[in-house]
Amino acid sequence: MTEGPKEYRQARFARPPGACEILLVRHGESEPARPDQPFPLLDGQGDPDLDPVGHAQAERVADRLAAEGIEAIYVSTLRRTSQTAAPLAARLGLEPRVERDLREVHLGEWEGGLFRKHVAERHPVALRIREEQRWDVVPGAEPADAFAARVQGVMFRIAVAHRDQTVAVFTHGGTIGQILAIAAQSRPFAFTGSDNGAISHLVVDGDLWIIRRYNDTAHLGLALTTLPEPLT
């Protein structure tokens, strides 16, 4: 009996052996900035609490990720990330690991909520940020090369520590934008503007970084999807 020709069907993506799947979650919406009530600072960076909307977004994130086989949860030193991770951590029985290098880009003299004010008022330096696609036009802000180096370093460290695993990383809009720009070798702000509570998906296989998703908000619904801040 003659066998028919072999067939090679299209296959779904599979995580390469030894690679790490990283679900990048932007923190939920934080409390609004008020000129008369600057955010408290932690190591010189604004550290607001989540807004009630942000807490609701955190619950939706937990609903979405609870069955994803997550084996570790990471947060930055800024409390809006740990507050967003808390519902998922409770459901999975995992203790979030704090990674300082997951913190947001340091905005120098514009910390404490001043950044939001200047962006809303179209301050000339805020316009330069967008035009030049770099945060360090802000006086005293973290240098662009240093920011890129620290987020690249923390992604490598997490990936090496969790080969063949899936981890959830709760971090910040500017940080997610920088991570994905490195992965795509794109312009610096190509991935800036992730929504609060949105999920992006990265597979790190050594020097090969594969973007699987960006700014997934299907779990939030229109009621909990706020407009992204103009820059971070």
C-alpha atoms as a PDB file:
ATOM      1  CA  MET A   1       0.000   0.000   0.000  1.00  0.00           C
ATOM      2  CA  THR A   2       1.370   3.338  -1.030  1.00  0.00           C
ATOM      3  CA  GLU A   3       1.566   5.957   1.701  1.00  0.00           C
ATOM      4  CA  GLY A   4       0.322   9.424   0.901  1.00  0.00           C
ATOM      5  CA  PRO A   5       2.629  12.421   0.989  1.00  0.00           C
ATOM      6  CA  LYS A   6       3.689  13.721   4.396  1.00  0.00           C
ATOM      7  CA  GLU A   7       1.974  16.806   5.691  1.00  0.00           C
ATOM      8  CA  TYR A   8       3.536  19.560   7.722  1.00  0.00           C
ATOM      9  CA  ARG A   9       0.799  21.541   9.382  1.00  0.00           C
ATOM     10  CA  GLN A  10       1.184  24.958  10.879  1.00  0.00           C
ATOM     11  CA  ALA A  11       1.918  24.626  14.567  1.00  0.00           C
ATOM     12  CA  ARG A  12       1.071  26.928  17.426  1.00  0.00           C
ATOM     13  CA  PHE A  13       3.888  28.754  19.144  1.00  0.00           C
ATOM     14  CA  ALA A  14       5.566  26.734  21.890  1.00  0.00           C
ATOM     15  CA  ARG A  15       7.922  28.139  24.497  1.00  0.00           C
ATOM     16  CA  PRO A  16      11.472  27.083  23.579  1.00  0.00           C
ATOM     17  CA  PRO A  17      13.165  24.737  26.061  1.00  0.00           C
ATOM     18  CA  GLY A  18      14.899  26.743  28.787  1.00  0.00           C
ATOM     19  CA  ALA A  19      13.035  29.952  27.988  1.00  0.00           C
ATOM     20  CA  CYS A  20      10.975  31.992  30.441  1.00  0.00           C
ATOM     21  CA  GLU A  21       7.506  33.394  29.795  1.00  0.00           C
ATOM     22  CA  ILE A  22       7.066  36.795  31.428  1.00  0.00           C
ATOM     23  CA  LEU A  23       3.642  38.390  31.805  1.00  0.00           C
ATOM     24  CA  LEU A  24       4.251  42.111  32.211  1.00  0.00           C
ATOM     25  CA  VAL A  25       1.396  43.768  34.093  1.00  0.00           C
ATOM     26  CA  ARG A  26       1.136  47.517  34.413  1.00  0.00           C
ATOM     27  CA  HIS A  27      -0.080  48.504  37.884  1.00  0.00           C
ATOM     28  CA  GLY A  28      -3.666  49.624  38.343  1.00  0.00           C
ATOM     29  CA  GLU A  29      -4.665  53.265  38.195  1.00  0.00           C
ATOM     30  CA  SER A  30      -3.029  55.216  41.013  1.00  0.00           C
ATOM     31  CA  GLU A  31      -4.555  58.078  42.946  1.00  0.00           C
ATOM     32  CA  PRO A  32      -4.715  61.439  41.161  1.00  0.00           C
ATOM     33  CA  ALA A  33      -1.965  64.000  41.547  1.00  0.00           C
ATOM     34  CA  ARG A  34      -2.939  67.184  43.394  1.00  0.00           C
ATOM     35  CA  PRO A  35      -0.701  70.277  43.444  1.00  0.00           C
ATOM     36  CA  ASP A  36      -1.374  70.820  47.152  1.00  0.00           C
ATOM     37  CA  GLN A  37      -0.685  67.171  48.075  1.00  0.00           C
ATOM     38  CA  PRO A  38       2.499  65.854  46.433  1.00  0.00           C
ATOM     39  CA  PHE A  39       2.900  62.090  46.362  1.00  0.00           C
ATOM     40  CA  PRO A  40       5.110  60.678  49.123  1.00  0.00           C
ATOM     41  CA  LEU A  41       8.569  59.823  47.831  1.00  0.00           C
ATOM     42  CA  LEU A  42      10.445  56.537  48.096  1.00  0.00           C
ATOM     43  CA  ASP A  43      14.111  56.827  47.167  1.00  0.00           C
ATOM     44  CA  GLY A  44      13.204  60.064  45.416  1.00  0.00           C
ATOM     45  CA  GLN A  45      10.340  58.629  43.350  1.00  0.00           C
ATOM     46  CA  GLY A  46       6.613  59.290  43.664  1.00  0.00           C
ATOM     47  CA  ASP A  47       4.899  56.464  45.548  1.00  0.00           C
ATOM     48  CA  PRO A  48       1.114  56.940  45.408  1.00  0.00           C
ATOM     49  CA  ASP A  49      -1.452  54.365  46.492  1.00  0.00           C
ATOM     50  CA  LEU A  50      -3.856  52.762  44.048  1.00  0.00           C
ATOM     51  CA  ASP A  51      -7.086  54.589  43.323  1.00  0.00           C
ATOM     52  CA  PRO A  52     -10.298  52.566  43.962  1.00  0.00           C
ATOM     53  CA  VAL A  53     -10.457  52.001  40.199  1.00  0.00           C
ATOM     54  CA  GLY A  54      -6.938  50.575  40.405  1.00  0.00           C
ATOM     55  CA  HIS A  55      -7.971  48.108  43.108  1.00  0.00           C
ATOM     56  CA  ALA A  56     -10.852  46.928  40.900  1.00  0.00           C
ATOM     57  CA  GLN A  57      -8.427  46.519  37.999  1.00  0.00           C
ATOM     58  CA  ALA A  58      -6.164  44.421  40.242  1.00  0.00           C
ATOM     59  CA  GLU A  59      -9.038  42.023  40.932  1.00  0.00           C
ATOM     60  CA  ARG A  60      -9.702  41.677  37.198  1.00  0.00           C
ATOM     61  CA  VAL A  61      -6.031  40.955  36.586  1.00  0.00           C
ATOM     62  CA  ALA A  62      -6.209  38.181  39.196  1.00  0.00           C
ATOM     63  CA  ASP A  63      -9.292  36.746  37.487  1.00  0.00           C
ATOM     64  CA  ARG A  64      -7.417  36.671  34.183  1.00  0.00           C
ATOM     65  CA  LEU A  65      -4.117  35.230  35.374  1.00  0.00           C
ATOM     66  CA  ALA A  66      -5.156  32.813  38.132  1.00  0.00           C
ATOM     67  CA  ALA A  67      -5.147  29.811  35.776  1.00  0.00           C
ATOM     68  CA  GLU A  68      -2.026  30.711  33.759  1.00  0.00           C
ATOM     69  CA  GLY A  69       0.358  28.413  35.637  1.00  0.00           C
ATOM     70  CA  ILE A  70       2.309  31.286  37.163  1.00  0.00           C
ATOM     71  CA  GLU A  71       5.136  30.098  39.392  1.00  0.00           C
ATOM     72  CA  ALA A  72       6.498  33.415  40.668  1.00  0.00           C
ATOM     73  CA  ILE A  73       5.337  37.011  41.047  1.00  0.00           C
ATOM     74  CA  TYR A  74       7.628  40.031  40.946  1.00  0.00           C
ATOM     75  CA  VAL A  75       6.900  43.628  41.959  1.00  0.00           C
ATOM     76  CA  SER A  76       8.898  46.854  42.098  1.00  0.00           C
ATOM     77  CA  THR A  77       9.678  48.752  45.277  1.00  0.00           C
ATOM     78  CA  LEU A  78       6.806  51.182  44.593  1.00  0.00           C
ATOM     79  CA  ARG A  79       3.615  50.178  46.374  1.00  0.00           C
ATOM     80  CA  ARG A  80       1.210  50.531  43.458  1.00  0.00           C
ATOM     81  CA  THR A  81       2.762  47.383  41.967  1.00  0.00           C
ATOM     82  CA  SER A  82       2.498  45.300  45.149  1.00  0.00           C
ATOM     83  CA  GLN A  83      -1.083  46.491  45.665  1.00  0.00           C
ATOM     84  CA  THR A  84      -1.941  45.421  42.104  1.00  0.00           C
ATOM     85  CA  ALA A  85      -0.269  42.041  42.559  1.00  0.00           C
ATOM     86  CA  ALA A  86      -1.902  41.343  45.934  1.00  0.00           C
ATOM     87  CA  PRO A  87      -5.151  39.696  44.710  1.00  0.00           C
ATOM     88  CA  LEU A  88      -3.304  37.321  42.373  1.00  0.00           C
ATOM     89  CA  ALA A  89      -0.676  36.519  45.014  1.00  0.00           C
ATOM     90  CA  ALA A  90      -3.408  35.670  47.523  1.00  0.00           C
ATOM     91  CA  ARG A  91      -5.189  33.334  45.112  1.00  0.00           C
ATOM     92  CA  LEU A  92      -1.995  31.518  44.134  1.00  0.00           C
ATOM     93  CA  GLY A  93      -0.438  31.454  47.599  1.00  0.00           C
ATOM     94  CA  LEU A  94       2.718  33.137  46.311  1.00  0.00           C
ATOM     95  CA  GLU A  95       4.818  35.747  48.088  1.00  0.00           C
ATOM     96  CA  PRO A  96       5.748  38.519  45.615  1.00  0.00           C
ATOM     97  CA  ARG A  97       9.463  39.050  45.143  1.00  0.00           C
ATOM     98  CA  VAL A  98      10.605  42.678  45.238  1.00  0.00           C
ATOM     99  CA  GLU A  99      12.986  43.743  42.468  1.00  0.00           C
ATOM    100  CA  ARG A 100      14.222  47.313  42.783  1.00  0.00           C
ATOM    101  CA  ASP A 101      15.215  47.503  39.115  1.00  0.00           C
ATOM    102  CA  LEU A 102      11.567  47.068  38.063  1.00  0.00           C
ATOM    103  CA  ARG A 103      10.782  50.569  39.362  1.00  0.00           C
ATOM    104  CA  GLU A 104       9.602  53.304  37.031  1.00  0.00           C
ATOM    105  CA  VAL A 105      12.007  55.616  35.213  1.00  0.00           C
ATOM    106  CA  HIS A 106      13.174  58.284  37.666  1.00  0.00           C
ATOM    107  CA  LEU A 107      11.834  61.680  36.597  1.00  0.00           C
ATOM    108  CA  GLY A 108      14.162  63.875  38.612  1.00  0.00           C
ATOM    109  CA  GLU A 109      12.684  67.265  39.439  1.00  0.00           C
ATOM    110  CA  TRP A 110       9.286  66.166  38.101  1.00  0.00           C
ATOM    111  CA  GLU A 111       8.633  63.480  40.694  1.00  0.00           C
ATOM    112  CA  GLY A 112       5.858  63.594  43.297  1.00  0.00           C
ATOM    113  CA  GLY A 113       3.088  64.179  40.744  1.00  0.00           C
ATOM    114  CA  LEU A 114       4.606  67.174  38.966  1.00  0.00           C
ATOM    115  CA  PHE A 115       5.129  65.131  35.799  1.00  0.00           C
ATOM    116  CA  ARG A 116       1.379  64.666  35.350  1.00  0.00           C
ATOM    117  CA  LYS A 117       0.754  68.387  35.808  1.00  0.00           C
ATOM    118  CA  HIS A 118       3.371  69.405  33.256  1.00  0.00           C
ATOM    119  CA  VAL A 119       2.143  66.861  30.703  1.00  0.00           C
ATOM    120  CA  ALA A 120      -1.470  67.995  31.106  1.00  0.00           C
ATOM    121  CA  GLU A 121      -0.415  71.629  30.680  1.00  0.00           C
ATOM    122  CA  ARG A 122       1.818  70.825  27.677  1.00  0.00           C
ATOM    123  CA  HIS A 123       4.963  72.152  29.287  1.00  0.00           C
ATOM    124  CA  PRO A 124       7.683  72.730  26.634  1.00  0.00           C
ATOM    125  CA  VAL A 125       9.931  70.079  28.205  1.00  0.00           C
ATOM    126  CA  ALA A 126       7.028  67.593  28.209  1.00  0.00           C
ATOM    127  CA  LEU A 127       6.688  68.169  24.467  1.00  0.00           C
ATOM    128  CA  ARG A 128      10.426  67.577  24.063  1.00  0.00           C
ATOM    129  CA  ILE A 129      10.081  64.229  25.844  1.00  0.00           C
ATOM    130  CA  ARG A 130       7.759  63.026  23.109  1.00  0.00           C
ATOM    131  CA  GLU A 131       9.672  64.615  20.253  1.00  0.00           C
ATOM    132  CA  GLU A 132      13.076  63.289  21.343  1.00  0.00           C
ATOM    133  CA  GLN A 133      11.711  60.018  22.799  1.00  0.00           C
ATOM    134  CA  ARG A 134      13.769  60.222  25.960  1.00  0.00           C
ATOM    135  CA  TRP A 135      12.905  60.877  29.594  1.00  0.00           C
ATOM    136  CA  ASP A 136      16.176  62.508  30.515  1.00  0.00           C
ATOM    137  CA  VAL A 137      15.301  65.884  29.022  1.00  0.00           C
ATOM    138  CA  VAL A 138      13.598  66.378  32.417  1.00  0.00           C
ATOM    139  CA  PRO A 139      16.060  68.059  34.815  1.00  0.00           C
ATOM    140  CA  GLY A 140      17.683  65.437  37.023  1.00  0.00           C
ATOM    141  CA  ALA A 141      15.949  62.483  35.336  1.00  0.00           C
ATOM    142  CA  GLU A 142      17.516  59.037  34.964  1.00  0.00           C
ATOM    143  CA  PRO A 143      19.831  58.883  31.928  1.00  0.00           C
ATOM    144  CA  ALA A 144      18.364  56.966  29.003  1.00  0.00           C
ATOM    145  CA  ASP A 145      21.255  54.505  28.748  1.00  0.00           C
ATOM    146  CA  ALA A 146      21.145  53.761  32.485  1.00  0.00           C
ATOM    147  CA  PHE A 147      17.394  53.151  32.384  1.00  0.00           C
ATOM    148  CA  ALA A 148      17.691  50.770  29.433  1.00  0.00           C
ATOM    149  CA  ALA A 149      20.582  48.903  31.055  1.00  0.00           C
ATOM    150  CA  ARG A 150      18.808  48.325  34.361  1.00  0.00           C
ATOM    151  CA  VAL A 151      15.574  47.021  32.839  1.00  0.00           C
ATOM    152  CA  GLN A 152      17.460  44.775  30.446  1.00  0.00           C
ATOM    153  CA  GLY A 153      19.474  43.444  33.372  1.00  0.00           C
ATOM    154  CA  VAL A 154      16.455  42.645  35.521  1.00  0.00           C
ATOM    155  CA  MET A 155      14.725  40.838  32.658  1.00  0.00           C
ATOM    156  CA  PHE A 156      17.777  38.638  32.138  1.00  0.00           C
ATOM    157  CA  ARG A 157      17.995  37.884  35.854  1.00  0.00           C
ATOM    158  CA  ILE A 158      14.343  36.896  36.090  1.00  0.00           C
ATOM    159  CA  ALA A 159      14.541  34.757  32.959  1.00  0.00           C
ATOM    160  CA  VAL A 160      17.627  32.884  34.143  1.00  0.00           C
ATOM    161  CA  ALA A 161      16.026  32.242  37.545  1.00  0.00           C
ATOM    162  CA  HIS A 162      12.853  30.834  35.970  1.00  0.00           C
ATOM    163  CA  ARG A 163      13.787  28.722  32.965  1.00  0.00           C
ATOM    164  CA  ASP A 164      10.828  26.723  31.649  1.00  0.00           C
ATOM    165  CA  GLN A 165       8.445  28.689  33.875  1.00  0.00           C
ATOM    166  CA  THR A 166       5.850  31.446  33.597  1.00  0.00           C
ATOM    167  CA  VAL A 167       6.163  34.475  35.872  1.00  0.00           C
ATOM    168  CA  ALA A 168       4.062  37.597  36.403  1.00  0.00           C
ATOM    169  CA  VAL A 169       5.943  40.880  36.659  1.00  0.00           C
ATOM    170  CA  PHE A 170       3.989  43.835  38.020  1.00  0.00           C
ATOM    171  CA  THR A 171       5.712  47.019  36.966  1.00  0.00           C
ATOM    172  CA  HIS A 172       5.219  50.458  35.355  1.00  0.00           C
ATOM    173  CA  GLY A 173       4.251  51.966  32.023  1.00  0.00           C
ATOM    174  CA  GLY A 174       7.631  53.484  31.212  1.00  0.00           C
ATOM    175  CA  THR A 175       9.411  50.317  32.287  1.00  0.00           C
ATOM    176  CA  ILE A 176       7.197  48.082  30.143  1.00  0.00           C
ATOM    177  CA  GLY A 177       7.729  50.430  27.207  1.00  0.00           C
ATOM    178  CA  GLN A 178      11.490  50.214  27.595  1.00  0.00           C
ATOM    179  CA  ILE A 179      11.489  46.421  27.947  1.00  0.00           C
ATOM    180  CA  LEU A 180       9.466  45.925  24.780  1.00  0.00           C
ATOM    181  CA  ALA A 181      11.464  48.517  22.849  1.00  0.00           C
ATOM    182  CA  ILE A 182      14.582  46.505  23.667  1.00  0.00           C
ATOM    183  CA  ALA A 183      12.845  43.296  22.571  1.00  0.00           C
ATOM    184  CA  ALA A 184      11.698  44.813  19.277  1.00  0.00           C
ATOM    185  CA  GLN A 185      14.828  46.933  18.726  1.00  0.00           C
ATOM    186  CA  SER A 186      12.374  49.747  18.055  1.00  0.00           C
ATOM    187  CA  ARG A 187      12.228  53.481  18.651  1.00  0.00           C
ATOM    188  CA  PRO A 188      12.317  54.162  22.410  1.00  0.00           C
ATOM    189  CA  PHE A 189       8.651  55.139  22.784  1.00  0.00           C
ATOM    190  CA  ALA A 190       7.115  52.628  20.343  1.00  0.00           C
ATOM    191  CA  PHE A 191       5.498  50.757  23.256  1.00  0.00           C
ATOM    192  CA  THR A 192       4.859  53.658  25.617  1.00  0.00           C
ATOM    193  CA  GLY A 193       1.225  54.092  26.652  1.00  0.00           C
ATOM    194  CA  SER A 194       0.245  50.754  28.178  1.00  0.00           C
ATOM    195  CA  ASP A 195      -3.094  50.967  29.988  1.00  0.00           C
ATOM    196  CA  ASN A 196      -3.382  50.486  33.740  1.00  0.00           C
ATOM    197  CA  GLY A 197      -3.969  46.797  34.452  1.00  0.00           C
ATOM    198  CA  ALA A 198      -2.974  45.778  30.919  1.00  0.00           C
ATOM    199  CA  ILE A 199      -0.981  42.598  30.272  1.00  0.00           C
ATOM    200  CA  SER A 200       1.921  42.292  27.849  1.00  0.00           C
ATOM    201  CA  HIS A 201       3.628  38.973  27.148  1.00  0.00           C
ATOM    202  CA  LEU A 202       7.317  38.378  26.544  1.00  0.00           C
ATOM    203  CA  VAL A 203       9.281  35.151  26.059  1.00  0.00           C
ATOM    204  CA  VAL A 204      12.958  35.451  26.941  1.00  0.00           C
ATOM    205  CA  ASP A 205      15.191  32.797  25.427  1.00  0.00           C
ATOM    206  CA  GLY A 206      18.735  33.980  26.075  1.00  0.00           C
ATOM    207  CA  ASP A 207      19.393  36.940  23.794  1.00  0.00           C
ATOM    208  CA  LEU A 208      16.185  36.274  21.840  1.00  0.00           C
ATOM    209  CA  TRP A 209      13.215  38.197  23.256  1.00  0.00           C
ATOM    210  CA  ILE A 210       9.881  37.354  21.612  1.00  0.00           C
ATOM    211  CA  ILE A 211       6.898  39.682  22.051  1.00  0.00           C
ATOM    212  CA  ARG A 212       3.688  37.649  22.182  1.00  0.00           C
ATOM    213  CA  ARG A 213       1.204  40.318  23.343  1.00  0.00           C
ATOM    214  CA  TYR A 214       1.085  44.038  24.047  1.00  0.00           C
ATOM    215  CA  ASN A 215      -1.471  45.978  26.113  1.00  0.00           C
ATOM    216  CA  ASP A 216      -4.073  43.219  26.455  1.00  0.00           C
ATOM    217  CA  THR A 217      -7.066  44.712  28.323  1.00  0.00           C
ATOM    218  CA  ALA A 218      -9.750  42.135  27.451  1.00  0.00           C
ATOM    219  CA  HIS A 219     -10.155  41.269  31.149  1.00  0.00           C
ATOM    220  CA  LEU A 220     -10.865  44.840  32.225  1.00  0.00           C
ATOM    221  CA  GLY A 221     -13.936  45.813  30.231  1.00  0.00           C
ATOM    222  CA  LEU A 222     -14.712  49.365  29.170  1.00  0.00           C
ATOM    223  CA  ALA A 223     -15.728  50.437  32.670  1.00  0.00           C
ATOM    224  CA  LEU A 224     -12.245  49.784  34.034  1.00  0.00           C
ATOM    225  CA  THR A 225     -10.155  50.825  31.049  1.00  0.00           C
ATOM    226  CA  THR A 226      -8.995  54.389  31.540  1.00  0.00           C
ATOM    227  CA  LEU A 227      -7.243  56.436  28.921  1.00  0.00           C
ATOM    228  CA  PRO A 228      -3.464  55.984  29.183  1.00  0.00           C
ATOM    229  CA  GLU A 229      -1.433  58.916  30.372  1.00  0.00           C
ATOM    230  CA  PRO A 230       0.075  60.729  27.402  1.00  0.00           C
ATOM    231  CA  LEU A 231       3.594  59.502  28.091  1.00  0.00           C
ATOM    232  CA  THR A 232       3.835  56.961  30.935  1.00  0.00           C
END
